[in-house]
Amino acid sequence: MSGLEVVRLATQTMGPFWSLTTSQIYSELKRLLELGYIEQTELRARSTRVYAVTDIGREVFGEHINTMPGNETIRYPLLLFLQFGAHIKSELMEQIMQAHRQRHQDELRRYEQCELIDQSKYDQALLEFGKRYERMVLEWLDDTLPRLRT
């Protein structure tokens, strides 16, 4: 799999719940290569490198994935804006909140249209989390917007 293919797959599968950047993925690929967890298997046109996981990489992944995950970190830019809300014009704050509400409504709609035929129980759990998260944010926005208008 090439770096670009890794970026696309990671964005598609983890993007909704894990913040990723292209530069972050490429720097991790470099690090994994240096550690021997992946190897370059091919060089395609335009210097596109193709990678594969090594046996030691699979072993380390197996050890890592079977440990307790860390605590979640809330990193939501809207909350940072609210922290400084007293310095933001009320019309702009309204626009920001409405834009976020629309994005979460669109995301909920996208989740609700997903069909998980023959998907694992883990995929189903992730989809359910996405739906519940979007509903919670929409409920919070609907409660918060009127209070900010007063």
Foldseek 3Di string as FASTA:
>chain_A
DWLVVVVVVCCVPVVVPDDDDSVRSVVVVVVCCVVQQKHFDDQDPPRTTDIDGDPVVVVVVVVVVPDDDDDDDDDDVLVVCVVVVVVDPLVVNLVVLVVVLVVLVVQLVVLVPDDQVPHDPVVVVVSVVSNVVSVVSNVVSVVVVVVSVD
